[in-house]
C-alpha atoms as a PDB file:
ATOM      1  CA  UNK A   1       6.621 -11.081   6.121  1.00  0.00           C
ATOM      2  CA  UNK A   2       8.648  -8.002   6.931  1.00  0.00           C
ATOM      3  CA  UNK A   3       7.914  -5.558   9.694  1.00  0.00           C
ATOM      4  CA  UNK A   4       7.466  -2.800   7.072  1.00  0.00           C
ATOM      5  CA  UNK A   5       4.506  -4.660   5.586  1.00  0.00           C
ATOM      6  CA  UNK A   6       2.932  -5.193   9.019  1.00  0.00           C
ATOM      7  CA  UNK A   7       3.553  -1.539   9.871  1.00  0.00           C
ATOM      8  CA  UNK A   8       1.862  -0.441   6.664  1.00  0.00           C
ATOM      9  CA  UNK A   9      -1.093  -2.693   7.380  1.00  0.00           C
ATOM     10  CA  UNK A  10      -1.448  -1.209  10.879  1.00  0.00           C
ATOM     11  CA  UNK A  11      -0.887   2.411   9.847  1.00  0.00           C
ATOM     12  CA  UNK A  12      -4.381   2.956   8.485  1.00  0.00           C
ATOM     13  CA  UNK A  13      -5.986   1.575  11.589  1.00  0.00           C
ATOM     14  CA  UNK A  14      -3.778   3.839  13.709  1.00  0.00           C
ATOM     15  CA  UNK A  15      -4.884   6.855  11.650  1.00  0.00           C
ATOM     16  CA  UNK A  16      -8.499   5.766  12.029  1.00  0.00           C
ATOM     17  CA  UNK A  17      -8.028   5.433  15.792  1.00  0.00           C
ATOM     18  CA  UNK A  18      -6.518   8.929  15.865  1.00  0.00           C
ATOM     19  CA  UNK A  19      -9.863  10.365  14.716  1.00  0.00           C
ATOM     20  CA  UNK A  20     -11.149   9.782  18.249  1.00  0.00           C
ATOM     21  CA  UNK A  21      -8.973  12.693  19.396  1.00  0.00           C
ATOM     22  CA  UNK A  22     -10.508  16.173  19.119  1.00  0.00           C
ATOM     23  CA  UNK A  23     -10.235  17.818  15.700  1.00  0.00           C
ATOM     24  CA  UNK A  24      -7.093  19.878  15.232  1.00  0.00           C
ATOM     25  CA  UNK A  25      -5.063  17.998  17.833  1.00  0.00           C
ATOM     26  CA  UNK A  26      -1.431  17.918  16.640  1.00  0.00           C
ATOM     27  CA  UNK A  27      -1.179  14.146  17.129  1.00  0.00           C
ATOM     28  CA  UNK A  28      -4.332  13.524  15.090  1.00  0.00           C
ATOM     29  CA  UNK A  29      -3.186  15.832  12.297  1.00  0.00           C
ATOM     30  CA  UNK A  30       0.327  14.348  12.174  1.00  0.00           C
ATOM     31  CA  UNK A  31      -0.766  10.696  12.178  1.00  0.00           C
ATOM     32  CA  UNK A  32      -3.489  11.257   9.600  1.00  0.00           C
ATOM     33  CA  UNK A  33      -1.311  13.404   7.318  1.00  0.00           C
ATOM     34  CA  UNK A  34       1.574  10.924   7.326  1.00  0.00           C
ATOM     35  CA  UNK A  35      -0.805   8.067   6.594  1.00  0.00           C
ATOM     36  CA  UNK A  36      -2.581   9.885   3.758  1.00  0.00           C
ATOM     37  CA  UNK A  37       0.677  11.102   2.165  1.00  0.00           C
ATOM     38  CA  UNK A  38       2.739   7.920   2.327  1.00  0.00           C
ATOM     39  CA  UNK A  39       1.137   4.657   3.388  1.00  0.00           C
ATOM     40  CA  UNK A  40      -1.439   3.718   0.702  1.00  0.00           C
ATOM     41  CA  UNK A  41       1.067   4.513  -2.049  1.00  0.00           C
ATOM     42  CA  UNK A  42       3.907   2.660  -0.342  1.00  0.00           C
ATOM     43  CA  UNK A  43       1.685  -0.400  -0.019  1.00  0.00           C
ATOM     44  CA  UNK A  44       0.770  -0.123  -3.722  1.00  0.00           C
ATOM     45  CA  UNK A  45       4.388   0.361  -4.837  1.00  0.00           C
ATOM     46  CA  UNK A  46       5.583  -2.538  -2.691  1.00  0.00           C
ATOM     47  CA  UNK A  47       5.113  -5.323  -5.233  1.00  0.00           C
ATOM     48  CA  UNK A  48       6.839  -3.363  -7.998  1.00  0.00           C
ATOM     49  CA  UNK A  49       9.788  -1.304  -6.662  1.00  0.00           C
ATOM     50  CA  UNK A  50      11.596  -1.174 -10.002  1.00  0.00           C
ATOM     51  CA  UNK A  51      14.872   0.550  -9.058  1.00  0.00           C
ATOM     52  CA  UNK A  52      15.034  -1.175  -5.689  1.00  0.00           C
ATOM     53  CA  UNK A  53      15.379  -4.492  -7.511  1.00  0.00           C
ATOM     54  CA  UNK A  54      18.433  -3.172  -9.327  1.00  0.00           C
ATOM     55  CA  UNK A  55      20.041  -2.170  -6.039  1.00  0.00           C
ATOM     56  CA  UNK A  56      20.668   1.509  -6.843  1.00  0.00           C
ATOM     57  CA  UNK A  57      20.797   3.058  -3.331  1.00  0.00           C
ATOM     58  CA  UNK A  58      19.657   6.703  -3.327  1.00  0.00           C
ATOM     59  CA  UNK A  59      17.936   6.487  -6.680  1.00  0.00           C
ATOM     60  CA  UNK A  60      15.824   3.549  -5.498  1.00  0.00           C
ATOM     61  CA  UNK A  61      14.856   5.386  -2.315  1.00  0.00           C
ATOM     62  CA  UNK A  62      13.858   8.549  -4.176  1.00  0.00           C
ATOM     63  CA  UNK A  63      11.932   6.588  -6.799  1.00  0.00           C
ATOM     64  CA  UNK A  64       9.949   4.692  -4.181  1.00  0.00           C
ATOM     65  CA  UNK A  65       9.357   7.896  -2.172  1.00  0.00           C
ATOM     66  CA  UNK A  66       8.024   9.878  -5.126  1.00  0.00           C
ATOM     67  CA  UNK A  67       5.873   7.004  -6.377  1.00  0.00           C
ATOM     68  CA  UNK A  68       4.510   6.456  -2.864  1.00  0.00           C
ATOM     69  CA  UNK A  69       3.456  10.071  -2.396  1.00  0.00           C
ATOM     70  CA  UNK A  70       1.910  10.344  -5.860  1.00  0.00           C
ATOM     71  CA  UNK A  71       0.010   7.067  -5.545  1.00  0.00           C
ATOM     72  CA  UNK A  72      -1.132   7.910  -2.015  1.00  0.00           C
ATOM     73  CA  UNK A  73      -2.546  11.237  -3.103  1.00  0.00           C
ATOM     74  CA  UNK A  74      -4.183   9.639  -6.134  1.00  0.00           C
ATOM     75  CA  UNK A  75      -5.808   6.879  -4.092  1.00  0.00           C
ATOM     76  CA  UNK A  76      -6.971   9.404  -1.483  1.00  0.00           C
ATOM     77  CA  UNK A  77      -8.569  11.578  -4.158  1.00  0.00           C
ATOM     78  CA  UNK A  78     -10.276   8.601  -5.806  1.00  0.00           C
ATOM     79  CA  UNK A  79     -11.706   7.381  -2.497  1.00  0.00           C
ATOM     80  CA  UNK A  80     -12.881  10.865  -1.495  1.00  0.00           C
ATOM     81  CA  UNK A  81     -14.422  11.453  -4.912  1.00  0.00           C
ATOM     82  CA  UNK A  82     -16.318   8.163  -4.784  1.00  0.00           C
ATOM     83  CA  UNK A  83     -17.773   9.051  -1.388  1.00  0.00           C
ATOM     84  CA  UNK A  84     -18.597  12.610  -2.480  1.00  0.00           C
ATOM     85  CA  UNK A  85     -20.368  11.411  -5.615  1.00  0.00           C
ATOM     86  CA  UNK A  86     -22.394   8.906  -3.611  1.00  0.00           C
ATOM     87  CA  UNK A  87     -23.274  11.616  -1.065  1.00  0.00           C
ATOM     88  CA  UNK A  88     -21.853   9.655   1.874  1.00  0.00           C
ATOM     89  CA  UNK A  89     -18.496  11.357   2.499  1.00  0.00           C
ATOM     90  CA  UNK A  90     -17.117  11.526   6.024  1.00  0.00           C
ATOM     91  CA  UNK A  91     -13.469  11.599   7.029  1.00  0.00           C
ATOM     92  CA  UNK A  92     -13.849   8.365   8.986  1.00  0.00           C
ATOM     93  CA  UNK A  93     -15.391   6.516   6.038  1.00  0.00           C
ATOM     94  CA  UNK A  94     -12.631   7.669   3.718  1.00  0.00           C
ATOM     95  CA  UNK A  95      -9.950   6.673   6.239  1.00  0.00           C
ATOM     96  CA  UNK A  96     -11.651   3.315   6.758  1.00  0.00           C
ATOM     97  CA  UNK A  97     -11.675   2.621   3.017  1.00  0.00           C
ATOM     98  CA  UNK A  98      -8.021   3.638   2.701  1.00  0.00           C
ATOM     99  CA  UNK A  99      -7.072   1.575   5.777  1.00  0.00           C
ATOM    100  CA  UNK A 100      -8.694  -1.519   4.279  1.00  0.00           C
ATOM    101  CA  UNK A 101      -7.060  -0.892   0.898  1.00  0.00           C
ATOM    102  CA  UNK A 102      -3.640  -0.320   2.479  1.00  0.00           C
ATOM    103  CA  UNK A 103      -3.911  -3.459   4.618  1.00  0.00           C
ATOM    104  CA  UNK A 104      -4.904  -5.594   1.639  1.00  0.00           C
ATOM    105  CA  UNK A 105      -2.101  -4.222  -0.531  1.00  0.00           C
ATOM    106  CA  UNK A 106       0.505  -4.536   2.223  1.00  0.00           C
ATOM    107  CA  UNK A 107      -0.398  -8.091   3.241  1.00  0.00           C
ATOM    108  CA  UNK A 108      -0.964  -9.447  -0.260  1.00  0.00           C
ATOM    109  CA  UNK A 109       1.558 -12.201  -1.100  1.00  0.00           C
ATOM    110  CA  UNK A 110       4.425 -10.931  -3.222  1.00  0.00           C
ATOM    111  CA  UNK A 111       5.146 -12.567  -6.547  1.00  0.00           C
ATOM    112  CA  UNK A 112       8.900 -12.642  -5.983  1.00  0.00           C
ATOM    113  CA  UNK A 113       8.682 -13.938  -2.416  1.00  0.00           C
ATOM    114  CA  UNK A 114      10.285 -17.088  -1.041  1.00  0.00           C
ATOM    115  CA  UNK A 115       7.041 -19.072  -1.045  1.00  0.00           C
ATOM    116  CA  UNK A 116       6.397 -18.176  -4.679  1.00  0.00           C
ATOM    117  CA  UNK A 117       9.884 -19.384  -5.668  1.00  0.00           C
ATOM    118  CA  UNK A 118       9.422 -22.625  -3.697  1.00  0.00           C
ATOM    119  CA  UNK A 119       6.066 -23.223  -5.368  1.00  0.00           C
ATOM    120  CA  UNK A 120       7.588 -22.636  -8.806  1.00  0.00           C
ATOM    121  CA  UNK A 121      10.420 -25.064  -8.055  1.00  0.00           C
ATOM    122  CA  UNK A 122       8.045 -27.867  -7.063  1.00  0.00           C
ATOM    123  CA  UNK A 123       5.601 -27.345  -9.936  1.00  0.00           C
ATOM    124  CA  UNK A 124       6.452 -29.618 -12.845  1.00  0.00           C
ATOM    125  CA  UNK A 125       7.082 -27.854 -16.111  1.00  0.00           C
ATOM    126  CA  UNK A 126       4.512 -28.586 -18.815  1.00  0.00           C
ATOM    127  CA  UNK A 127       6.097 -29.053 -22.183  1.00  0.00           C
ATOM    128  CA  UNK A 128       4.110 -28.267 -25.300  1.00  0.00           C
ATOM    129  CA  UNK A 129       3.197 -31.196 -27.490  1.00  0.00           C
ATOM    130  CA  UNK A 130       5.412 -31.608 -30.491  1.00  0.00           C
ATOM    131  CA  UNK A 131       3.870 -31.866 -33.930  1.00  0.00           C
ATOM    132  CA  UNK A 132       5.208 -35.103 -35.264  1.00  0.00           C
END
């Protein structure tokens, strides 16, 4: 597992820990804003990364960056809306839900990973029965 995936998994918990600082503290605002703008979306884009698979340098970076920000904002809005509609919204609850979601997405096994390829190589192929 790469350090990026572990960093993503820890980022939500770091943002949640930053809520202990007084409101409006620059460190709290910076950590929380970076997490909300980038991390949930980057964890969600991780398994896909379409252009990154093709190896197109700047294009791949920009594609992943834009998708990460858009997905992060979308996930943040969905989580906040769910808490608002249930009447239980607090910033800590929303950050907790996003931290859990980000950790699960970041640490989920990847389909194209080495273990997946090894498993596919050792699994015998099942041939369909012929109609004779």
